[in-house]
Amino acid sequence: MEEVLKEWLNKAKKKMEEDEKLKEEIKDFDGVFLLDVTDGESYHVAINKGDVGELTKGEVDDPRLTVTADTATLTALMSGELSPMKAFALRKIKLKGSFEDIIRLRKFLKTD
């Protein structure tokens, strides 16, 4: 799972480097994005004013945005086999955070 998430994060960072509009959308985001993997280890990524950190194992206190899903769902999302909207509608993924943050980071999280 860690390798899949690292590959996804690298794609997301590259996309942000190439997309000025995306850079603008997250330039003032300051917080931690947590991937809570229900059947494995959790990971987090700090984003500080648009500067995206590295993928780190473990949970954090008070993340700004949390995505909760199992390994199979996250793998399908990262590969593009499952859309985020379908995963949410099927209750395969849970989101916790402000609506504004979810909307702001949606493009960053989608790399397919």
Protein backbone atom coordinates (compact mmCIF):
# COMPACT_ATOMS: atom_id res chain seq x y z
CA MET A 1 0.00 0.00 0.00
CA GLU A 2 2.80 2.41 0.84
CA GLU A 3 4.28 2.18 -2.65
CA VAL A 4 0.87 2.84 -4.25
CA LEU A 5 0.41 5.91 -2.05
CA LYS A 6 3.91 7.21 -2.76
CA GLU A 7 3.34 6.85 -6.50
CA TRP A 8 0.00 8.67 -6.16
CA LEU A 9 1.61 11.48 -4.15
CA ASN A 10 4.38 11.91 -6.71
CA LYS A 11 1.76 12.17 -9.48
CA ALA A 12 -0.21 14.69 -7.42
CA LYS A 13 2.90 16.82 -6.81
CA LYS A 14 3.79 16.75 -10.50
CA LYS A 15 0.24 17.71 -11.45
CA MET A 16 0.39 20.64 -9.04
CA GLU A 17 3.72 21.82 -10.48
CA GLU A 18 2.19 21.89 -13.97
CA ASP A 19 -1.23 23.34 -13.09
CA GLU A 20 -1.18 27.01 -12.09
CA LYS A 21 -4.88 27.00 -11.22
CA LEU A 22 -4.37 24.07 -8.85
CA LYS A 23 -1.40 25.84 -7.22
CA GLU A 24 -3.61 28.86 -6.68
CA GLU A 25 -6.39 26.76 -5.12
CA ILE A 26 -4.20 25.24 -2.44
CA LYS A 27 -1.65 28.03 -1.93
CA ASP A 28 -3.15 29.02 1.42
CA PHE A 29 -3.99 25.50 2.64
CA ASP A 30 -2.09 24.81 5.82
CA GLY A 31 -2.68 21.49 7.55
CA VAL A 32 -2.34 17.74 7.49
CA PHE A 33 -4.15 15.36 5.17
CA LEU A 34 -4.64 11.90 6.77
CA LEU A 35 -5.26 8.66 4.89
CA ASP A 36 -6.82 6.35 7.48
CA VAL A 37 -6.40 2.84 6.05
CA THR A 38 -8.89 0.63 7.91
CA ASP A 39 -7.13 -2.66 7.19
CA GLY A 40 -3.55 -1.43 7.32
CA GLU A 41 -1.34 1.42 8.42
CA SER A 42 -2.40 5.03 8.18
CA TYR A 43 -0.38 7.74 6.45
CA HIS A 44 -0.34 11.50 6.42
CA VAL A 45 0.95 14.35 4.30
CA ALA A 46 1.51 17.89 5.52
CA ILE A 47 0.61 20.71 3.18
CA ASN A 48 1.97 24.08 4.20
CA LYS A 49 0.79 27.00 2.08
CA GLY A 50 0.80 24.86 -1.04
CA ASP A 51 4.12 23.15 -0.27
CA VAL A 52 3.39 19.41 -0.19
CA GLY A 53 5.46 17.30 2.19
CA GLU A 54 6.36 13.64 2.05
CA LEU A 55 4.16 10.65 2.80
CA THR A 56 4.69 9.65 6.44
CA LYS A 57 3.44 6.56 8.26
CA GLY A 58 1.21 7.04 11.24
CA GLU A 59 -1.72 9.06 12.41
CA VAL A 60 -1.66 12.65 13.60
CA ASP A 61 -3.72 14.60 16.06
CA ASP A 62 -6.29 16.93 14.55
CA PRO A 63 -5.79 16.46 10.78
CA ARG A 64 -7.43 19.09 8.63
CA LEU A 65 -8.82 16.46 6.23
CA THR A 66 -9.22 12.71 6.73
CA VAL A 67 -9.98 10.10 4.09
CA THR A 68 -10.92 6.69 5.52
CA ALA A 69 -11.05 3.57 3.34
CA ASP A 70 -9.69 0.05 3.07
CA THR A 71 -6.66 -0.95 1.03
CA ALA A 72 -8.67 -2.30 -1.92
CA THR A 73 -10.71 0.91 -2.20
CA LEU A 74 -7.67 3.18 -1.97
CA THR A 75 -5.82 1.10 -4.56
CA ALA A 76 -8.81 1.30 -6.92
CA LEU A 77 -9.08 5.06 -6.36
CA MET A 78 -5.39 5.66 -6.96
CA SER A 79 -5.38 3.58 -10.15
CA GLY A 80 -8.51 5.26 -11.51
CA GLU A 81 -10.55 2.04 -11.48
CA LEU A 82 -12.98 3.63 -9.01
CA SER A 83 -14.10 7.25 -9.06
CA PRO A 84 -14.16 9.20 -5.78
CA MET A 85 -17.85 10.01 -6.27
CA LYS A 86 -18.79 6.35 -6.77
CA ALA A 87 -16.69 5.30 -3.76
CA PHE A 88 -18.42 7.93 -1.64
CA ALA A 89 -21.89 6.96 -2.91
CA LEU A 90 -21.19 3.29 -2.15
CA ARG A 91 -19.91 4.26 1.31
CA LYS A 92 -16.54 2.72 0.56
CA ILE A 93 -14.84 5.96 1.53
CA LYS A 94 -15.45 8.42 4.34
CA LEU A 95 -14.38 12.05 4.36
CA LYS A 96 -13.94 14.18 7.45
CA GLY A 97 -13.12 17.84 7.15
CA SER A 98 -14.68 21.06 6.05
CA PHE A 99 -16.60 21.07 2.81
CA GLU A 100 -14.35 23.90 1.61
CA ASP A 101 -11.20 21.82 2.20
CA ILE A 102 -12.67 18.76 0.48
CA ILE A 103 -13.60 20.85 -2.57
CA ARG A 104 -10.24 22.65 -2.55
CA LEU A 105 -8.21 19.44 -2.46
CA ARG A 106 -10.37 17.36 -4.80
CA LYS A 107 -8.26 18.18 -7.86
CA PHE A 108 -5.02 17.60 -5.98
CA LEU A 109 -6.24 14.17 -4.82
CA LYS A 110 -7.37 13.10 -8.29
CA THR A 111 -4.42 12.09 -10.43
CA ASP A 112 -5.93 9.95 -13.21
